[in-house]
Amino acid sequence: MIYFDTSFALPLILREPTSSRIEQFFASKQGEALAISHWTRVEVSSALAREVRMRHLAVAMARAAEEEFDDIVADTFAVLLPSAGDFELARRYLQHHETGLRAGDALHLAIASNNRAESIYSFDNTLLKAGRRLGLSVRTIATRT
């Protein structure tokens, strides 16, 4: 199973320079076990709400993006439910102060680790560096086409 954090999911619904490359990447992974977590879904909703608050996105567009994300999730991903063990492992990861890891990123890493993800994909440099220091299989993709 391959796990994706929010930084990998958002460009599927909000146009960014990485969007086309991510769409191609997911197309190349068709048939593989792909996963996000319920935490990812919360962070996507939070990002859309922030875009509305900052007046970068109209409410109707945010709702449409949320619906599009729900459709993509239903068609593409298994959605992992964070467990008490995930929260405990995230706490342990956060005790490695030198990583600079934040709570939400620690939770992503813990969910992926406890569910035996073979790879964890992200564009978040702090998460990537922390994951490497913690011995996890974190990856990203080149975004230039």
Foldseek 3Di string as FASTA:
>chain_A
DEEEALQLLQCCLDPDLQNVVSVVVLVVCPPPAYAYEVLSLVVLLVVLVVCVVVVVDPPVSSVVSNVVSVVCCVVRHDYHYQDPQLQVQLVVLVVVVVLVDDSSLSSSLSSCVVVVHQEYEHPDPSSQSSCVVVVHHYDYDDRDD
